[in-house]
Protein backbone atom coordinates (compact mmCIF):
# COMPACT_ATOMS: atom_id res chain seq x y z
CA UNK A 1 4.69 7.39 -20.85
CA UNK A 2 6.83 9.46 -19.44
CA UNK A 3 9.17 8.91 -15.70
CA UNK A 4 6.71 11.84 -14.05
CA UNK A 5 3.54 11.12 -15.62
CA UNK A 6 4.19 7.63 -14.30
CA UNK A 7 4.76 9.35 -10.81
CA UNK A 8 1.80 11.73 -10.94
CA UNK A 9 -0.52 8.11 -12.48
CA UNK A 10 0.83 6.00 -9.24
CA UNK A 11 0.86 9.23 -6.64
CA UNK A 12 -2.70 9.60 -7.94
CA UNK A 13 -3.44 5.92 -6.41
CA UNK A 14 -1.75 6.06 -3.42
CA UNK A 15 -4.48 9.53 -2.88
CA UNK A 16 -7.36 7.27 -4.20
CA UNK A 17 -7.11 4.29 -1.89
CA UNK A 18 -5.95 7.05 1.08
CA UNK A 19 -8.89 9.36 0.32
CA UNK A 20 -11.49 6.45 0.14
CA UNK A 21 -10.36 3.06 2.17
CA UNK A 22 -10.74 3.04 6.09
CA UNK A 23 -8.33 0.45 6.42
CA UNK A 24 -6.11 1.96 4.57
CA UNK A 25 -6.34 4.71 7.49
CA UNK A 26 -5.72 2.66 9.67
CA UNK A 27 -3.26 0.79 8.69
CA UNK A 28 -1.50 4.48 7.97
CA UNK A 29 -2.37 5.41 11.26
CA UNK A 30 -0.59 2.28 12.68
CA UNK A 31 2.63 2.83 11.25
CA UNK A 32 2.93 6.16 12.51
CA UNK A 33 2.58 4.75 15.40
CA UNK A 34 4.65 2.36 14.84
CA UNK A 35 7.79 4.97 13.81
CA UNK A 36 7.65 6.68 16.47
CA UNK A 37 8.40 3.97 19.10
CA UNK A 38 10.71 2.99 16.79
CA UNK A 39 12.49 6.24 17.37
CA UNK A 40 11.14 6.18 20.82
CA UNK A 41 13.45 2.39 21.64
CA UNK A 42 15.93 3.42 19.21
CA UNK A 43 15.89 0.76 17.39
CA UNK A 44 18.75 -0.49 15.30
CA UNK A 45 19.06 0.45 11.58
CA UNK A 46 17.82 -3.63 10.41
CA UNK A 47 15.63 -3.35 12.85
CA UNK A 48 14.34 -0.63 10.99
CA UNK A 49 14.93 -1.58 7.84
CA UNK A 50 12.36 -4.78 8.60
CA UNK A 51 9.82 -2.74 9.73
CA UNK A 52 9.96 -0.25 7.33
CA UNK A 53 9.93 -3.56 4.61
CA UNK A 54 7.31 -4.61 6.89
CA UNK A 55 4.97 -1.50 6.92
CA UNK A 56 5.67 -1.25 3.08
CA UNK A 57 4.07 -4.68 2.79
CA UNK A 58 1.02 -4.58 4.10
CA UNK A 59 0.09 -0.61 2.55
CA UNK A 60 1.03 -2.30 -0.71
CA UNK A 61 -0.83 -5.81 0.11
CA UNK A 62 -4.02 -2.90 0.91
CA UNK A 63 -3.47 -0.75 -2.32
CA UNK A 64 -3.74 -4.31 -4.64
CA UNK A 65 -6.89 -5.58 -2.17
CA UNK A 66 -8.60 -2.04 -3.31
CA UNK A 67 -7.25 -2.46 -6.82
CA UNK A 68 -8.95 -5.66 -7.40
CA UNK A 69 -12.13 -4.42 -5.36
CA UNK A 70 -12.14 -1.67 -7.54
CA UNK A 71 -11.91 -3.65 -10.79
CA UNK A 72 -14.18 -6.70 -9.80
CA UNK A 73 -16.80 -4.02 -8.61
CA UNK A 74 -16.36 -3.08 -12.23
CA UNK A 75 -17.02 -5.72 -13.83
CA UNK A 76 -19.62 -7.21 -12.20
CA UNK A 77 -21.85 -4.78 -10.13
CA UNK A 78 -24.28 -7.13 -8.86
CA UNK A 79 -23.78 -10.29 -6.69
CA UNK A 80 -21.50 -12.92 -8.10
CA UNK A 81 -20.21 -16.17 -6.22
CA UNK A 82 -16.81 -15.40 -7.98
CA UNK A 83 -16.96 -11.90 -7.38
CA UNK A 84 -16.91 -12.46 -3.49
CA UNK A 85 -14.38 -15.21 -4.06
CA UNK A 86 -12.14 -13.06 -5.68
CA UNK A 87 -12.95 -10.15 -3.69
CA UNK A 88 -12.10 -12.05 0.11
CA UNK A 89 -9.19 -13.56 -1.17
CA UNK A 90 -7.65 -9.77 -1.36
CA UNK A 91 -9.41 -9.49 1.56
CA UNK A 92 -7.14 -12.96 2.85
CA UNK A 93 -4.27 -11.61 1.80
CA UNK A 94 -3.89 -7.92 3.44
CA UNK A 95 -5.34 -10.24 6.62
CA UNK A 96 -2.04 -12.43 5.91
CA UNK A 97 0.12 -9.34 6.05
CA UNK A 98 -0.99 -7.75 8.75
CA UNK A 99 -0.87 -10.97 10.85
CA UNK A 100 2.58 -11.30 10.08
CA UNK A 101 3.28 -7.68 10.48
CA UNK A 102 2.14 -7.93 14.47
CA UNK A 103 4.38 -10.62 15.31
CA UNK A 104 7.41 -9.43 13.39
CA UNK A 105 6.76 -6.41 15.62
CA UNK A 106 6.13 -8.33 18.66
CA UNK A 107 9.46 -9.85 18.23
CA UNK A 108 10.99 -6.28 17.47
CA UNK A 109 9.50 -4.52 20.22
CA UNK A 110 8.47 -7.19 23.14
CA UNK A 111 11.28 -6.99 24.83
CA UNK A 112 11.43 -2.74 24.74
CA UNK A 113 7.66 -2.48 26.06
CA UNK A 114 6.64 -5.15 27.90
């Protein structure tokens, strides 16, 4: 596969998630607000780097969650306890990443905002 095609497929996957997943829209909106706060409060380069990595982690977890849910829905359209477990575990991974992001946000912004 040519590199341009690989990028097109990757971007298509991101667009799919943004257009179809409510939680992705929530994460992206929160990311834009937080990046605005980072600019307003003039976070240092290190702080901004930590923030970008944290945001990327949440977005990446949500994309993996969407991919897993899509696969599970395809191979197991009817209810099955293992399908539920897989989807719940993926959602749990996003939750862990999001909670970590909130904690990092508190560390970075707590003394600036409060």
